[in-house]
């Protein structure tokens, strides 16, 4: 499943280390385009790995961001407004 992390992170070649070195004051963009349902998103491998619950997504994101990081999320899917609600 997706419990251990996001299913797919696409970075430009040679930028993989930048994702791990983001320092204080960094800006991070999370973009998802696909299918969604109330409190869930369905990545391309959802049939085998399952949907990602909004609460799990919030936990994953929060555990990988420093307090002084600005996160911008773009969700192009149905019911996206319910993803980070408790």
PDB file of N, CA and C in Angstrom:
ATOM      1  N   UNK A   1       0.804  -1.190   0.000  1.00  0.00           N
ATOM      2  CA  UNK A   1       0.000   0.000   0.000  1.00  0.00           C
ATOM      3  C   UNK A   1       0.850   1.258   0.000  1.00  0.00           C
ATOM      4  N   UNK A   2       0.212   2.368   0.288  1.00  0.00           N
ATOM      5  CA  UNK A   2       0.880   3.654   0.292  1.00  0.00           C
ATOM      6  C   UNK A   2       1.207   4.127   1.704  1.00  0.00           C
ATOM      7  N   UNK A   3       1.111   3.252   2.686  1.00  0.00           N
ATOM      8  CA  UNK A   3       1.281   3.660   4.067  1.00  0.00           C
ATOM      9  C   UNK A   3       2.632   4.293   4.335  1.00  0.00           C
ATOM     10  N   UNK A   4       3.688   3.837   3.669  1.00  0.00           N
ATOM     11  CA  UNK A   4       5.037   4.317   3.938  1.00  0.00           C
ATOM     12  C   UNK A   4       5.388   5.614   3.261  1.00  0.00           C
ATOM     13  N   UNK A   5       4.596   6.082   2.334  1.00  0.00           N
ATOM     14  CA  UNK A   5       4.931   7.323   1.648  1.00  0.00           C
ATOM     15  C   UNK A   5       4.041   7.528   0.448  1.00  0.00           C
ATOM     16  N   UNK A   6       4.288   8.624  -0.238  1.00  0.00           N
ATOM     17  CA  UNK A   6       3.512   8.923  -1.430  1.00  0.00           C
ATOM     18  C   UNK A   6       3.847   7.937  -2.534  1.00  0.00           C
ATOM     19  N   UNK A   7       2.905   7.606  -3.388  1.00  0.00           N
ATOM     20  CA  UNK A   7       3.130   6.572  -4.388  1.00  0.00           C
ATOM     21  C   UNK A   7       4.110   6.963  -5.485  1.00  0.00           C
ATOM     22  N   UNK A   8       4.173   8.229  -5.834  1.00  0.00           N
ATOM     23  CA  UNK A   8       5.036   8.636  -6.932  1.00  0.00           C
ATOM     24  C   UNK A   8       5.453  10.074  -6.744  1.00  0.00           C
ATOM     25  N   UNK A   9       6.734  10.312  -6.748  1.00  0.00           N
ATOM     26  CA  UNK A   9       7.249  11.672  -6.675  1.00  0.00           C
ATOM     27  C   UNK A   9       8.112  11.874  -7.907  1.00  0.00           C
ATOM     28  N   UNK A  10       7.745  12.840  -8.733  1.00  0.00           N
ATOM     29  CA  UNK A  10       8.473  13.101  -9.958  1.00  0.00           C
ATOM     30  C   UNK A  10       9.312  14.348  -9.768  1.00  0.00           C
ATOM     31  N   UNK A  11      10.607  14.201  -9.915  1.00  0.00           N
ATOM     32  CA  UNK A  11      11.528  15.318  -9.813  1.00  0.00           C
ATOM     33  C   UNK A  11      12.369  15.376 -11.085  1.00  0.00           C
ATOM     34  N   UNK A  12      12.805  16.573 -11.469  1.00  0.00           N
ATOM     35  CA  UNK A  12      13.690  16.664 -12.628  1.00  0.00           C
ATOM     36  C   UNK A  12      14.974  15.885 -12.372  1.00  0.00           C
ATOM     37  N   UNK A  13      15.598  15.347 -13.428  1.00  0.00           N
ATOM     38  CA  UNK A  13      16.852  14.600 -13.256  1.00  0.00           C
ATOM     39  C   UNK A  13      17.890  15.428 -12.493  1.00  0.00           C
ATOM     40  N   UNK A  14      18.544  14.787 -11.553  1.00  0.00           N
ATOM     41  CA  UNK A  14      19.574  15.446 -10.766  1.00  0.00           C
ATOM     42  C   UNK A  14      19.045  16.232  -9.583  1.00  0.00           C
ATOM     43  N   UNK A  15      17.741  16.262  -9.369  1.00  0.00           N
ATOM     44  CA  UNK A  15      17.146  17.051  -8.285  1.00  0.00           C
ATOM     45  C   UNK A  15      16.662  16.184  -7.119  1.00  0.00           C
ATOM     46  N   UNK A  16      16.912  14.877  -7.183  1.00  0.00           N
ATOM     47  CA  UNK A  16      16.417  13.980  -6.141  1.00  0.00           C
ATOM     48  C   UNK A  16      16.938  14.382  -4.760  1.00  0.00           C
ATOM     49  N   UNK A  17      18.202  14.763  -4.675  1.00  0.00           N
ATOM     50  CA  UNK A  17      18.786  15.143  -3.390  1.00  0.00           C
ATOM     51  C   UNK A  17      18.167  16.417  -2.841  1.00  0.00           C
ATOM     52  N   UNK A  18      17.711  17.310  -3.726  1.00  0.00           N
ATOM     53  CA  UNK A  18      17.103  18.556  -3.270  1.00  0.00           C
ATOM     54  C   UNK A  18      15.879  18.305  -2.410  1.00  0.00           C
ATOM     55  N   UNK A  19      15.133  17.264  -2.717  1.00  0.00           N
ATOM     56  CA  UNK A  19      13.926  16.953  -1.941  1.00  0.00           C
ATOM     57  C   UNK A  19      14.265  16.613  -0.501  1.00  0.00           C
ATOM     58  N   UNK A  20      15.439  16.036  -0.283  1.00  0.00           N
ATOM     59  CA  UNK A  20      15.843  15.636   1.062  1.00  0.00           C
ATOM     60  C   UNK A  20      16.581  16.747   1.795  1.00  0.00           C
ATOM     61  N   UNK A  21      17.053  17.760   1.061  1.00  0.00           N
ATOM     62  CA  UNK A  21      17.839  18.824   1.670  1.00  0.00           C
ATOM     63  C   UNK A  21      17.070  20.118   1.847  1.00  0.00           C
ATOM     64  N   UNK A  22      15.783  20.131   1.565  1.00  0.00           N
ATOM     65  CA  UNK A  22      15.012  21.368   1.682  1.00  0.00           C
ATOM     66  C   UNK A  22      15.166  21.933   3.083  1.00  0.00           C
ATOM     67  N   UNK A  23      15.657  23.141   3.167  1.00  0.00           N
ATOM     68  CA  UNK A  23      15.935  23.762   4.450  1.00  0.00           C
ATOM     69  C   UNK A  23      14.813  24.666   4.911  1.00  0.00           C
ATOM     70  N   UNK A  24      15.097  25.397   5.958  1.00  0.00           N
ATOM     71  CA  UNK A  24      14.127  26.320   6.509  1.00  0.00           C
ATOM     72  C   UNK A  24      13.671  27.346   5.486  1.00  0.00           C
ATOM     73  N   UNK A  25      12.404  27.671   5.546  1.00  0.00           N
ATOM     74  CA  UNK A  25      11.845  28.651   4.630  1.00  0.00           C
ATOM     75  C   UNK A  25      11.581  28.121   3.233  1.00  0.00           C
ATOM     76  N   UNK A  26      11.669  26.822   3.039  1.00  0.00           N
ATOM     77  CA  UNK A  26      11.443  26.223   1.724  1.00  0.00           C
ATOM     78  C   UNK A  26       9.967  26.250   1.346  1.00  0.00           C
ATOM     79  N   UNK A  27       9.724  26.171   0.051  1.00  0.00           N
ATOM     80  CA  UNK A  27       8.367  26.044  -0.473  1.00  0.00           C
ATOM     81  C   UNK A  27       8.245  24.688  -1.157  1.00  0.00           C
ATOM     82  N   UNK A  28       7.155  23.990  -0.906  1.00  0.00           N
ATOM     83  CA  UNK A  28       6.927  22.665  -1.478  1.00  0.00           C
ATOM     84  C   UNK A  28       5.580  22.679  -2.188  1.00  0.00           C
ATOM     85  N   UNK A  29       5.553  22.074  -3.376  1.00  0.00           N
ATOM     86  CA  UNK A  29       4.322  21.967  -4.144  1.00  0.00           C
ATOM     87  C   UNK A  29       3.914  20.501  -4.214  1.00  0.00           C
ATOM     88  N   UNK A  30       2.682  20.223  -3.842  1.00  0.00           N
ATOM     89  CA  UNK A  30       2.099  18.892  -3.969  1.00  0.00           C
ATOM     90  C   UNK A  30       0.991  18.996  -4.999  1.00  0.00           C
ATOM     91  N   UNK A  31       1.146  18.299  -6.119  1.00  0.00           N
ATOM     92  CA  UNK A  31       0.157  18.374  -7.190  1.00  0.00           C
ATOM     93  C   UNK A  31      -0.373  16.974  -7.473  1.00  0.00           C
ATOM     94  N   UNK A  32      -1.695  16.842  -7.501  1.00  0.00           N
ATOM     95  CA  UNK A  32      -2.323  15.574  -7.848  1.00  0.00           C
ATOM     96  C   UNK A  32      -3.425  15.855  -8.849  1.00  0.00           C
ATOM     97  N   UNK A  33      -3.410  15.117  -9.928  1.00  0.00           N
ATOM     98  CA  UNK A  33      -4.444  15.213 -10.951  1.00  0.00           C
ATOM     99  C   UNK A  33      -4.944  13.798 -11.201  1.00  0.00           C
ATOM    100  N   UNK A  34      -6.187  13.549 -10.910  1.00  0.00           N
ATOM    101  CA  UNK A  34      -6.722  12.205 -11.081  1.00  0.00           C
ATOM    102  C   UNK A  34      -8.121  12.116 -10.505  1.00  0.00           C
ATOM    103  N   UNK A  35      -8.432  10.983  -9.927  1.00  0.00           N
ATOM    104  CA  UNK A  35      -9.765  10.744  -9.386  1.00  0.00           C
ATOM    105  C   UNK A  35      -9.762  10.909  -7.869  1.00  0.00           C
ATOM    106  N   UNK A  36     -10.884  11.347  -7.349  1.00  0.00           N
ATOM    107  CA  UNK A  36     -11.038  11.493  -5.912  1.00  0.00           C
ATOM    108  C   UNK A  36     -12.459  11.169  -5.501  1.00  0.00           C
ATOM    109  N   UNK A  37     -12.621  10.912  -4.229  1.00  0.00           N
ATOM    110  CA  UNK A  37     -13.923  10.682  -3.625  1.00  0.00           C
ATOM    111  C   UNK A  37     -13.848  11.303  -2.238  1.00  0.00           C
ATOM    112  N   UNK A  38     -14.916  11.339  -1.518  1.00  0.00           N
ATOM    113  CA  UNK A  38     -14.935  12.004  -0.222  1.00  0.00           C
ATOM    114  C   UNK A  38     -13.793  11.499   0.660  1.00  0.00           C
ATOM    115  N   UNK A  39     -12.825  12.379   0.914  1.00  0.00           N
ATOM    116  CA  UNK A  39     -11.706  12.048   1.797  1.00  0.00           C
ATOM    117  C   UNK A  39     -10.679  11.104   1.216  1.00  0.00           C
ATOM    118  N   UNK A  40     -10.677  10.868  -0.102  1.00  0.00           N
ATOM    119  CA  UNK A  40      -9.730   9.931  -0.711  1.00  0.00           C
ATOM    120  C   UNK A  40      -9.255  10.455  -2.069  1.00  0.00           C
ATOM    121  N   UNK A  41      -8.041  10.039  -2.441  1.00  0.00           N
ATOM    122  CA  UNK A  41      -7.586  10.213  -3.817  1.00  0.00           C
ATOM    123  C   UNK A  41      -7.201   8.841  -4.352  1.00  0.00           C
ATOM    124  N   UNK A  42      -7.297   8.708  -5.661  1.00  0.00           N
ATOM    125  CA  UNK A  42      -7.043   7.429  -6.312  1.00  0.00           C
ATOM    126  C   UNK A  42      -5.888   7.590  -7.300  1.00  0.00           C
ATOM    127  N   UNK A  43      -4.667   7.246  -6.863  1.00  0.00           N
ATOM    128  CA  UNK A  43      -3.526   7.342  -7.774  1.00  0.00           C
ATOM    129  C   UNK A  43      -3.621   6.275  -8.866  1.00  0.00           C
ATOM    130  N   UNK A  44      -2.745   6.338  -9.833  1.00  0.00           N
ATOM    131  CA  UNK A  44      -2.820   5.432 -10.985  1.00  0.00           C
ATOM    132  C   UNK A  44      -2.739   3.956 -10.602  1.00  0.00           C
ATOM    133  N   UNK A  45      -2.142   3.636  -9.463  1.00  0.00           N
ATOM    134  CA  UNK A  45      -2.015   2.236  -9.044  1.00  0.00           C
ATOM    135  C   UNK A  45      -3.037   1.849  -7.967  1.00  0.00           C
ATOM    136  N   UNK A  46      -4.130   2.589  -7.890  1.00  0.00           N
ATOM    137  CA  UNK A  46      -5.074   2.361  -6.793  1.00  0.00           C
ATOM    138  C   UNK A  46      -5.728   0.982  -6.829  1.00  0.00           C
ATOM    139  N   UNK A  47      -5.852   0.370  -7.995  1.00  0.00           N
ATOM    140  CA  UNK A  47      -6.473  -0.957  -8.050  1.00  0.00           C
ATOM    141  C   UNK A  47      -5.651  -2.006  -7.311  1.00  0.00           C
ATOM    142  N   UNK A  48      -4.344  -1.861  -7.330  1.00  0.00           N
ATOM    143  CA  UNK A  48      -3.487  -2.825  -6.633  1.00  0.00           C
ATOM    144  C   UNK A  48      -3.036  -2.330  -5.261  1.00  0.00           C
ATOM    145  N   UNK A  49      -2.894  -0.996  -5.098  1.00  0.00           N
ATOM    146  CA  UNK A  49      -2.362  -0.442  -3.851  1.00  0.00           C
ATOM    147  C   UNK A  49      -3.415   0.218  -2.966  1.00  0.00           C
ATOM    148  N   UNK A  50      -4.578   0.479  -3.529  1.00  0.00           N
ATOM    149  CA  UNK A  50      -5.647   1.110  -2.761  1.00  0.00           C
ATOM    150  C   UNK A  50      -5.629   2.622  -2.852  1.00  0.00           C
ATOM    151  N   UNK A  51      -6.734   3.204  -2.430  1.00  0.00           N
ATOM    152  CA  UNK A  51      -6.855   4.660  -2.401  1.00  0.00           C
ATOM    153  C   UNK A  51      -6.013   5.209  -1.258  1.00  0.00           C
ATOM    154  N   UNK A  52      -5.723   6.498  -1.319  1.00  0.00           N
ATOM    155  CA  UNK A  52      -5.015   7.174  -0.244  1.00  0.00           C
ATOM    156  C   UNK A  52      -6.035   8.016   0.510  1.00  0.00           C
ATOM    157  N   UNK A  53      -6.185   7.726   1.781  1.00  0.00           N
ATOM    158  CA  UNK A  53      -7.118   8.473   2.627  1.00  0.00           C
ATOM    159  C   UNK A  53      -6.543   9.853   2.918  1.00  0.00           C
ATOM    160  N   UNK A  54      -7.417  10.843   2.998  1.00  0.00           N
ATOM    161  CA  UNK A  54      -6.973  12.198   3.296  1.00  0.00           C
ATOM    162  C   UNK A  54      -6.220  12.297   4.610  1.00  0.00           C
ATOM    163  N   UNK A  55      -6.656  11.554   5.630  1.00  0.00           N
ATOM    164  CA  UNK A  55      -5.968  11.593   6.927  1.00  0.00           C
ATOM    165  C   UNK A  55      -4.560  11.012   6.816  1.00  0.00           C
ATOM    166  N   UNK A  56      -4.394   9.948   6.021  1.00  0.00           N
ATOM    167  CA  UNK A  56      -3.059   9.369   5.814  1.00  0.00           C
ATOM    168  C   UNK A  56      -2.182  10.336   5.028  1.00  0.00           C
ATOM    169  N   UNK A  57      -2.761  10.989   4.024  1.00  0.00           N
ATOM    170  CA  UNK A  57      -2.017  11.965   3.238  1.00  0.00           C
ATOM    171  C   UNK A  57      -1.552  13.112   4.129  1.00  0.00           C
ATOM    172  N   UNK A  58      -2.434  13.600   5.001  1.00  0.00           N
ATOM    173  CA  UNK A  58      -2.072  14.678   5.917  1.00  0.00           C
ATOM    174  C   UNK A  58      -0.938  14.263   6.840  1.00  0.00           C
ATOM    175  N   UNK A  59      -0.978  13.032   7.341  1.00  0.00           N
ATOM    176  CA  UNK A  59       0.087  12.518   8.214  1.00  0.00           C
ATOM    177  C   UNK A  59       1.412  12.422   7.473  1.00  0.00           C
ATOM    178  N   UNK A  60       1.378  11.904   6.254  1.00  0.00           N
ATOM    179  CA  UNK A  60       2.595  11.761   5.451  1.00  0.00           C
ATOM    180  C   UNK A  60       3.210  13.129   5.190  1.00  0.00           C
ATOM    181  N   UNK A  61       2.386  14.056   4.758  1.00  0.00           N
ATOM    182  CA  UNK A  61       2.877  15.402   4.447  1.00  0.00           C
ATOM    183  C   UNK A  61       3.434  16.069   5.702  1.00  0.00           C
ATOM    184  N   UNK A  62       2.684  16.022   6.798  1.00  0.00           N
ATOM    185  CA  UNK A  62       3.112  16.680   8.036  1.00  0.00           C
ATOM    186  C   UNK A  62       4.400  16.084   8.587  1.00  0.00           C
ATOM    187  N   UNK A  63       4.585  14.790   8.437  1.00  0.00           N
ATOM    188  CA  UNK A  63       5.784  14.160   8.997  1.00  0.00           C
ATOM    189  C   UNK A  63       7.031  14.441   8.178  1.00  0.00           C
ATOM    190  N   UNK A  64       6.878  14.935   6.952  1.00  0.00           N
ATOM    191  CA  UNK A  64       8.037  15.203   6.099  1.00  0.00           C
ATOM    192  C   UNK A  64       8.343  16.682   5.917  1.00  0.00           C
ATOM    193  N   UNK A  65       7.546  17.560   6.502  1.00  0.00           N
ATOM    194  CA  UNK A  65       7.759  18.998   6.337  1.00  0.00           C
ATOM    195  C   UNK A  65       8.272  19.621   7.621  1.00  0.00           C
ATOM    196  N   UNK A  66       9.206  20.545   7.471  1.00  0.00           N
ATOM    197  CA  UNK A  66       9.651  21.332   8.617  1.00  0.00           C
ATOM    198  C   UNK A  66       8.562  22.351   8.949  1.00  0.00           C
ATOM    199  N   UNK A  67       8.569  22.836  10.158  1.00  0.00           N
ATOM    200  CA  UNK A  67       7.558  23.781  10.607  1.00  0.00           C
ATOM    201  C   UNK A  67       7.563  25.048   9.757  1.00  0.00           C
ATOM    202  N   UNK A  68       8.719  25.509   9.327  1.00  0.00           N
ATOM    203  CA  UNK A  68       8.815  26.762   8.574  1.00  0.00           C
ATOM    204  C   UNK A  68       8.753  26.565   7.060  1.00  0.00           C
ATOM    205  N   UNK A  69       8.143  25.468   6.612  1.00  0.00           N
ATOM    206  CA  UNK A  69       7.983  25.192   5.187  1.00  0.00           C
ATOM    207  C   UNK A  69       6.589  25.622   4.732  1.00  0.00           C
ATOM    208  N   UNK A  70       6.527  26.236   3.566  1.00  0.00           N
ATOM    209  CA  UNK A  70       5.241  26.608   2.978  1.00  0.00           C
ATOM    210  C   UNK A  70       4.814  25.504   2.028  1.00  0.00           C
ATOM    211  N   UNK A  71       3.649  24.938   2.244  1.00  0.00           N
ATOM    212  CA  UNK A  71       3.119  23.875   1.404  1.00  0.00           C
ATOM    213  C   UNK A  71       1.958  24.415   0.580  1.00  0.00           C
ATOM    214  N   UNK A  72       2.041  24.226  -0.724  1.00  0.00           N
ATOM    215  CA  UNK A  72       0.943  24.553  -1.625  1.00  0.00           C
ATOM    216  C   UNK A  72       0.460  23.251  -2.240  1.00  0.00           C
ATOM    217  N   UNK A  73      -0.841  22.980  -2.130  1.00  0.00           N
ATOM    218  CA  UNK A  73      -1.430  21.762  -2.685  1.00  0.00           C
ATOM    219  C   UNK A  73      -2.371  22.127  -3.817  1.00  0.00           C
ATOM    220  N   UNK A  74      -2.236  21.411  -4.920  1.00  0.00           N
ATOM    221  CA  UNK A  74      -3.156  21.545  -6.041  1.00  0.00           C
ATOM    222  C   UNK A  74      -3.740  20.165  -6.291  1.00  0.00           C
ATOM    223  N   UNK A  75      -5.021  20.019  -6.011  1.00  0.00           N
ATOM    224  CA  UNK A  75      -5.706  18.755  -6.236  1.00  0.00           C
ATOM    225  C   UNK A  75      -6.736  18.961  -7.335  1.00  0.00           C
ATOM    226  N   UNK A  76      -6.510  18.353  -8.466  1.00  0.00           N
ATOM    227  CA  UNK A  76      -7.432  18.428  -9.597  1.00  0.00           C
ATOM    228  C   UNK A  76      -8.200  17.105  -9.631  1.00  0.00           C
ATOM    229  N   UNK A  77      -9.165  16.987  -8.717  1.00  0.00           N
ATOM    230  CA  UNK A  77      -9.958  15.763  -8.622  1.00  0.00           C
ATOM    231  C   UNK A  77     -11.261  16.077  -7.890  1.00  0.00           C
ATOM    232  N   UNK A  78     -12.226  15.203  -8.054  1.00  0.00           N
ATOM    233  CA  UNK A  78     -13.499  15.363  -7.361  1.00  0.00           C
ATOM    234  C   UNK A  78     -13.294  15.292  -5.856  1.00  0.00           C
ATOM    235  N   UNK A  79     -14.099  16.027  -5.118  1.00  0.00           N
ATOM    236  CA  UNK A  79     -14.130  16.000  -3.653  1.00  0.00           C
ATOM    237  C   UNK A  79     -12.806  16.394  -3.004  1.00  0.00           C
ATOM    238  N   UNK A  80     -11.968  17.150  -3.694  1.00  0.00           N
ATOM    239  CA  UNK A  80     -10.657  17.506  -3.163  1.00  0.00           C
ATOM    240  C   UNK A  80     -10.742  18.379  -1.917  1.00  0.00           C
ATOM    241  N   UNK A  81     -11.845  19.092  -1.738  1.00  0.00           N
ATOM    242  CA  UNK A  81     -11.961  19.970  -0.568  1.00  0.00           C
ATOM    243  C   UNK A  81     -12.066  19.198   0.742  1.00  0.00           C
ATOM    244  N   UNK A  82     -12.284  17.890   0.670  1.00  0.00           N
ATOM    245  CA  UNK A  82     -12.441  17.086   1.888  1.00  0.00           C
ATOM    246  C   UNK A  82     -11.157  16.356   2.301  1.00  0.00           C
ATOM    247  N   UNK A  83     -10.068  16.549   1.578  1.00  0.00           N
ATOM    248  CA  UNK A  83      -8.870  15.734   1.814  1.00  0.00           C
ATOM    249  C   UNK A  83      -8.195  15.985   3.162  1.00  0.00           C
ATOM    250  N   UNK A  84      -8.081  17.212   3.589  1.00  0.00           N
ATOM    251  CA  UNK A  84      -7.352  17.488   4.829  1.00  0.00           C
ATOM    252  C   UNK A  84      -8.281  17.811   5.986  1.00  0.00           C
ATOM    253  N   UNK A  85      -9.539  17.442   5.885  1.00  0.00           N
ATOM    254  CA  UNK A  85     -10.475  17.670   6.985  1.00  0.00           C
ATOM    255  C   UNK A  85     -10.445  16.490   7.929  1.00  0.00           C
ATOM    256  N   UNK A  86     -10.556  16.781   9.190  1.00  0.00           N
ATOM    257  CA  UNK A  86     -10.595  15.715  10.201  1.00  0.00           C
ATOM    258  C   UNK A  86     -12.022  15.321  10.477  1.00  0.00           C
TER     259      UNK A  86
END
